[in-house]
Amino acid sequence: MRTMWRGAISFGLVNIGVRLYAATADHDYQFHQVHRQDHGRIHHKRVCEECGREIDYDDIVKGYETSDGELVVLDSQDLRKLPIRTDRAIDLLECVPAEQVDPTYFQKTYYLEPEKSARRPYVLLREALRRTDLLAVVKITMRQRETLATIRPAGDVLVLHTMLWPDEIRRPDFDFLTDDAGDTEVSKQEIDMATSLVENMTEDFDPTEFTDDYQRALAELIDAKTKGTKPPRKRPEPADEGEVVDLMGALERSVDQARTSRTSRRKTTASASRRRSSSNREKTGSRDKTRKRA
């Protein structure tokens, strides 16, 4: 992994030297724009609308148009003079309960690796956060921009999540939140049935059980185009059952389906577990026989 940032966490009077690494990777297919007729690559040029000339990157600065139409121009020198900390520091501001931080605020995830000289204080911070079940709220300056973030332990490493500022979060403004509650009232029986449905759909979260069907289909399409074979067939769309009139009846049928699906998943999981166990026993037996012959 490539180091994204290097600095230190200020933990009270203790400085913990760390390196920052991107924790996620984009596996989307990267397409180029090409001409349909001759497949030539399409390139976008930076052309000035005033003089009509193509402009080099070095001659491009930032411009902000005010509400009254005035253009304010800022270059790299102006941005470097902003009164914010640009040193390589992660300021630990406070520690808060994890359930108080709305996931809507989270942006990107990074791994923090300690410098060799900072391994002991790194482990101390990690274990303190784990024992208290708290998140550390910090500020970090990345790419000349100050960002709010949280740090939490994940296994043996500390993970940093950059966050949006409160004024960057839109508030929900929908009619049903202010209209009369007549069409949103639900009965206790309906709530009980919906709760039963949720309980029957409850499982331990295992992200490896889920797949990106779009990426898989796209890979099959690209492979078929490469080999000149027939592209994969489009999967049938689910039938539109229309508006649900009998809410209680729909909930009851959903609970039955969830129970059946859960039983089927458990049988499949148990069967797979038995196969893995049998395979492991065969491998162990084979190794034992090999040792005896040796």
Protein backbone atom coordinates (compact mmCIF):
# COMPACT_ATOMS: atom_id res chain seq x y z
CA MET A 1 0.00 0.00 0.00
CA ARG A 2 1.10 3.54 -0.76
CA THR A 3 1.47 6.02 2.10
CA MET A 4 -1.16 8.78 1.74
CA TRP A 5 -0.02 11.00 4.63
CA ARG A 6 2.60 11.00 7.36
CA GLY A 7 2.47 12.78 10.69
CA ALA A 8 1.66 12.28 14.38
CA ILE A 9 -1.36 11.86 16.66
CA SER A 10 -1.31 14.31 19.57
CA PHE A 11 -2.61 12.18 22.48
CA GLY A 12 -2.35 14.54 25.45
CA LEU A 13 1.39 15.17 25.81
CA VAL A 14 2.18 11.98 23.88
CA ASN A 15 2.96 12.14 20.15
CA ILE A 16 2.36 8.98 18.13
CA GLY A 17 4.08 8.98 14.75
CA VAL A 18 1.82 7.36 12.13
CA ARG A 19 1.41 6.77 8.42
CA LEU A 20 -1.94 6.91 6.67
CA TYR A 21 -3.07 4.36 4.07
CA ALA A 22 -6.30 4.15 2.06
CA ALA A 23 -8.36 1.28 3.50
CA THR A 24 -10.56 0.83 0.43
CA ALA A 25 -9.97 0.17 -3.26
CA ASP A 26 -12.14 0.96 -6.29
CA HIS A 27 -12.63 -2.15 -8.45
CA ASP A 28 -14.91 -0.51 -11.01
CA TYR A 29 -13.97 -1.00 -14.65
CA GLN A 30 -12.22 2.10 -15.99
CA PHE A 31 -13.65 2.99 -19.39
CA HIS A 32 -12.25 5.42 -21.97
CA GLN A 33 -14.38 7.59 -24.20
CA VAL A 34 -13.82 6.53 -27.83
CA HIS A 35 -15.21 7.42 -31.23
CA ARG A 36 -17.92 4.90 -32.19
CA GLN A 37 -16.77 4.71 -35.84
CA ASP A 38 -12.98 4.31 -35.61
CA HIS A 39 -12.45 3.70 -31.83
CA GLY A 40 -10.11 6.67 -31.52
CA ARG A 41 -9.63 8.01 -27.97
CA ILE A 42 -11.53 11.18 -27.08
CA HIS A 43 -9.43 13.78 -25.22
CA HIS A 44 -10.74 16.79 -23.32
CA LYS A 45 -8.82 20.03 -23.75
CA ARG A 46 -8.61 22.94 -21.32
CA VAL A 47 -9.70 25.80 -23.56
CA CYS A 48 -10.21 29.36 -22.30
CA GLU A 49 -13.58 30.75 -23.37
CA GLU A 50 -12.12 34.30 -23.55
CA CYS A 51 -9.05 33.82 -25.76
CA GLY A 52 -9.90 30.42 -27.26
CA ARG A 53 -6.44 29.00 -26.52
CA GLU A 54 -5.61 25.68 -24.82
CA ILE A 55 -4.24 26.41 -21.32
CA ASP A 56 -1.44 24.60 -19.45
CA TYR A 57 -2.10 23.39 -15.90
CA ASP A 58 0.49 25.85 -14.54
CA ASP A 59 -1.60 28.78 -15.84
CA ILE A 60 -4.84 27.62 -14.20
CA VAL A 61 -5.94 29.16 -10.88
CA LYS A 62 -9.12 28.89 -8.84
CA GLY A 63 -11.97 31.33 -9.34
CA TYR A 64 -15.03 31.83 -7.12
CA GLU A 65 -18.05 33.78 -8.36
CA THR A 66 -19.84 35.73 -5.62
CA SER A 67 -23.62 36.14 -5.42
CA ASP A 68 -23.36 39.55 -7.15
CA GLY A 69 -21.34 38.15 -10.05
CA GLU A 70 -17.85 39.26 -9.01
CA LEU A 71 -15.06 36.75 -9.72
CA VAL A 72 -12.53 36.24 -6.92
CA VAL A 73 -9.29 34.62 -8.12
CA LEU A 74 -7.15 32.51 -5.75
CA ASP A 75 -3.78 30.93 -6.57
CA SER A 76 -1.67 28.40 -4.65
CA GLN A 77 0.15 31.18 -2.76
CA ASP A 78 -3.17 32.52 -1.43
CA LEU A 79 -4.25 29.07 -0.26
CA ARG A 80 -0.94 28.46 1.50
CA LYS A 81 -1.49 31.63 3.56
CA LEU A 82 -4.80 30.42 5.02
CA PRO A 83 -4.77 30.59 8.86
CA ILE A 84 -5.05 26.83 9.44
CA ARG A 85 -2.61 24.26 10.72
CA THR A 86 -0.78 22.61 7.86
CA ASP A 87 1.73 20.70 9.96
CA ARG A 88 1.64 16.93 10.04
CA ALA A 89 -0.52 16.61 13.13
CA ILE A 90 -3.68 14.78 14.09
CA ASP A 91 -5.16 16.69 17.03
CA LEU A 92 -7.16 14.45 19.35
CA LEU A 93 -9.99 16.73 20.54
CA GLU A 94 -12.23 14.45 22.61
CA CYS A 95 -13.54 10.91 22.97
CA VAL A 96 -17.23 10.08 22.44
CA PRO A 97 -19.51 7.00 22.53
CA ALA A 98 -19.65 5.34 19.11
CA GLU A 99 -23.46 5.24 19.03
CA GLN A 100 -23.58 9.05 19.20
CA VAL A 101 -21.86 9.46 15.81
CA ASP A 102 -24.31 9.26 12.90
CA PRO A 103 -22.76 7.17 10.05
CA THR A 104 -24.04 9.82 7.60
CA TYR A 105 -21.02 11.93 8.60
CA PHE A 106 -18.45 9.34 7.48
CA GLN A 107 -16.58 9.90 4.20
CA LYS A 108 -13.45 7.77 3.61
CA THR A 109 -11.61 5.16 5.66
CA TYR A 110 -7.85 4.97 6.24
CA TYR A 111 -5.52 2.65 8.16
CA LEU A 112 -3.03 4.17 10.59
CA GLU A 113 0.36 2.44 10.85
CA PRO A 114 2.72 3.43 13.69
CA GLU A 115 6.29 4.49 13.07
CA LYS A 116 8.78 2.07 14.66
CA SER A 117 9.51 4.45 17.53
CA ALA A 118 5.77 4.93 18.24
CA ARG A 119 4.52 1.35 18.52
CA ARG A 120 4.07 1.32 22.31
CA PRO A 121 2.03 4.57 22.56
CA TYR A 122 0.07 3.44 19.45
CA VAL A 123 -0.91 0.20 21.22
CA LEU A 124 -1.74 2.15 24.40
CA LEU A 125 -4.17 4.41 22.51
CA ARG A 126 -5.68 1.43 20.69
CA GLU A 127 -6.27 -0.52 23.89
CA ALA A 128 -7.60 2.53 25.78
CA LEU A 129 -10.21 3.14 23.06
CA ARG A 130 -11.11 -0.55 22.97
CA ARG A 131 -11.49 -0.81 26.74
CA THR A 132 -13.69 2.30 26.96
CA ASP A 133 -15.60 1.52 23.72
CA LEU A 134 -15.12 5.12 22.60
CA LEU A 135 -14.20 6.91 19.37
CA ALA A 136 -11.49 9.57 19.31
CA VAL A 137 -12.66 12.75 17.56
CA VAL A 138 -9.72 14.43 15.77
CA LYS A 139 -8.81 17.13 13.26
CA ILE A 140 -6.43 16.43 10.40
CA THR A 141 -5.24 18.64 7.52
CA MET A 142 -5.09 16.77 4.22
CA ARG A 143 -4.51 18.34 0.80
CA GLN A 144 -4.52 21.82 2.39
CA ARG A 145 -7.97 21.25 3.88
CA GLU A 146 -8.82 20.79 7.54
CA THR A 147 -11.04 17.74 8.09
CA LEU A 148 -12.95 16.35 11.04
CA ALA A 149 -12.38 12.62 11.64
CA THR A 150 -12.72 9.80 14.13
CA ILE A 151 -10.23 7.11 15.15
CA ARG A 152 -11.31 3.67 16.34
CA PRO A 153 -9.62 0.32 16.95
CA ALA A 154 -10.27 -2.43 14.39
CA GLY A 155 -8.45 -5.63 15.25
CA ASP A 156 -4.81 -4.73 15.80
CA VAL A 157 -4.85 -1.43 13.91
CA LEU A 158 -6.32 2.03 14.37
CA VAL A 159 -8.72 3.16 11.66
CA LEU A 160 -9.36 6.80 10.76
CA HIS A 161 -12.69 7.86 9.20
CA THR A 162 -12.78 11.33 7.66
CA MET A 163 -16.10 13.10 8.23
CA LEU A 164 -18.34 15.76 6.75
CA TRP A 165 -18.94 18.98 8.67
CA PRO A 166 -22.46 19.47 10.11
CA ASP A 167 -23.35 22.15 7.55
CA GLU A 168 -22.58 19.67 4.74
CA ILE A 169 -25.35 17.30 5.86
CA ARG A 170 -28.73 17.96 4.27
CA ARG A 171 -31.77 17.78 6.52
CA PRO A 172 -34.78 15.70 5.39
CA ASP A 173 -37.64 17.91 4.26
CA PHE A 174 -40.51 15.73 3.05
CA ASP A 175 -44.22 16.43 3.05
CA PHE A 176 -45.13 13.30 5.00
CA LEU A 177 -43.13 14.59 7.99
CA THR A 178 -45.46 17.57 8.39
CA ASP A 179 -48.77 16.29 6.94
CA ASP A 180 -51.55 14.92 9.10
CA ALA A 181 -50.66 11.52 10.50
CA GLY A 182 -53.82 9.87 9.20
CA ASP A 183 -52.14 7.83 6.44
CA THR A 184 -49.04 7.01 8.51
CA GLU A 185 -50.73 5.55 11.60
CA VAL A 186 -50.04 1.84 12.09
CA SER A 187 -51.65 -0.55 14.54
CA LYS A 188 -49.91 -2.47 17.34
CA GLN A 189 -50.65 -5.72 15.50
CA GLU A 190 -48.93 -4.43 12.36
CA ILE A 191 -45.91 -3.27 14.37
CA ASP A 192 -45.71 -6.69 16.08
CA MET A 193 -45.85 -8.47 12.71
CA ALA A 194 -43.21 -6.14 11.20
CA THR A 195 -41.00 -6.79 14.25
CA SER A 196 -41.44 -10.54 13.74
CA LEU A 197 -40.39 -10.13 10.10
CA VAL A 198 -37.23 -8.23 11.12
CA GLU A 199 -36.39 -10.88 13.75
CA ASN A 200 -36.77 -13.68 11.17
CA MET A 201 -34.44 -11.82 8.81
CA THR A 202 -31.78 -11.27 11.50
CA GLU A 203 -28.37 -12.87 10.84
CA ASP A 204 -24.75 -12.28 11.83
CA PHE A 205 -23.26 -9.87 9.30
CA ASP A 206 -20.76 -11.49 6.94
CA PRO A 207 -19.90 -9.17 4.02
CA THR A 208 -18.29 -12.05 2.08
CA GLU A 209 -21.77 -13.51 1.53
CA PHE A 210 -22.71 -10.60 -0.73
CA THR A 211 -21.54 -10.10 -4.31
CA ASP A 212 -21.53 -7.21 -6.79
CA ASP A 213 -23.81 -8.69 -9.45
CA TYR A 214 -23.34 -5.68 -11.75
CA GLN A 215 -19.54 -6.01 -11.77
CA ARG A 216 -19.82 -9.77 -12.39
CA ALA A 217 -22.24 -9.24 -15.30
CA LEU A 218 -19.99 -6.50 -16.71
CA ALA A 219 -16.98 -8.86 -16.56
CA GLU A 220 -18.98 -11.52 -18.43
CA LEU A 221 -20.01 -8.98 -21.08
CA ILE A 222 -16.42 -7.77 -21.61
CA ASP A 223 -15.18 -11.38 -21.80
CA ALA A 224 -17.86 -12.24 -24.37
CA LYS A 225 -16.98 -9.16 -26.45
CA THR A 226 -13.27 -10.09 -26.31
CA LYS A 227 -13.89 -13.66 -27.45
CA GLY A 228 -16.60 -12.73 -29.95
CA THR A 229 -19.10 -14.99 -28.24
CA LYS A 230 -22.74 -14.44 -27.37
CA PRO A 231 -23.21 -11.93 -24.52
CA PRO A 232 -24.87 -13.13 -21.30
CA ARG A 233 -28.66 -13.12 -21.26
CA LYS A 234 -30.42 -10.32 -19.42
CA ARG A 235 -31.91 -11.52 -16.17
CA PRO A 236 -35.71 -11.23 -15.94
CA GLU A 237 -37.00 -8.26 -13.99
CA PRO A 238 -39.07 -9.08 -10.90
CA ALA A 239 -42.81 -8.76 -11.42
CA ASP A 240 -44.35 -5.50 -10.21
CA GLU A 241 -46.95 -6.51 -7.64
CA GLY A 242 -48.40 -2.99 -7.49
CA GLU A 243 -49.49 -1.08 -4.43
CA VAL A 244 -49.90 -3.10 -1.23
CA VAL A 245 -53.51 -2.73 -0.09
CA ASP A 246 -53.65 -5.42 2.61
CA LEU A 247 -50.59 -4.45 4.67
CA MET A 248 -51.21 -7.03 7.39
CA GLY A 249 -51.65 -9.85 4.87
CA ALA A 250 -48.45 -8.84 3.07
CA LEU A 251 -46.55 -8.85 6.38
CA GLU A 252 -47.84 -12.32 7.28
CA ARG A 253 -46.76 -13.72 3.90
CA SER A 254 -43.38 -12.01 4.25
CA VAL A 255 -42.81 -13.60 7.67
CA ASP A 256 -43.58 -17.06 6.22
CA GLN A 257 -41.15 -16.46 3.34
CA ALA A 258 -38.45 -15.23 5.73
CA ARG A 259 -38.82 -18.33 7.93
CA THR A 260 -38.59 -20.64 4.92
CA SER A 261 -35.57 -18.77 3.54
CA ARG A 262 -33.84 -18.83 6.94
CA THR A 263 -34.33 -22.60 7.29
CA SER A 264 -32.97 -23.11 3.76
CA ARG A 265 -29.90 -20.93 4.48
CA ARG A 266 -29.16 -22.82 7.68
CA LYS A 267 -29.32 -26.17 5.84
CA THR A 268 -27.03 -24.83 3.11
CA THR A 269 -24.58 -23.44 5.69
CA ALA A 270 -24.57 -26.71 7.66
CA SER A 271 -24.00 -28.72 4.48
CA ALA A 272 -21.10 -26.46 3.45
CA SER A 273 -19.63 -26.73 6.95
CA ARG A 274 -19.78 -30.54 6.79
CA ARG A 275 -18.08 -30.52 3.39
CA ARG A 276 -15.29 -28.27 4.68
CA SER A 277 -14.88 -30.46 7.76
CA SER A 278 -14.75 -33.62 5.63
CA SER A 279 -12.23 -31.99 3.28
CA ASN A 280 -10.03 -30.96 6.21
CA ARG A 281 -10.13 -34.50 7.64
CA GLU A 282 -9.13 -35.94 4.26
CA LYS A 283 -6.21 -33.48 4.00
CA THR A 284 -5.10 -34.30 7.55
CA GLY A 285 -5.32 -38.03 6.86
CA SER A 286 -3.35 -37.63 3.67
CA ARG A 287 -0.60 -35.69 5.50
CA ASP A 288 -0.49 -38.35 8.25
CA LYS A 289 -0.07 -41.12 5.66
CA THR A 290 2.70 -39.15 3.97
CA ARG A 291 4.52 -38.73 7.30
CA LYS A 292 4.22 -42.47 8.08
CA ARG A 293 5.65 -43.43 4.69
CA ALA A 294 8.47 -40.96 5.25
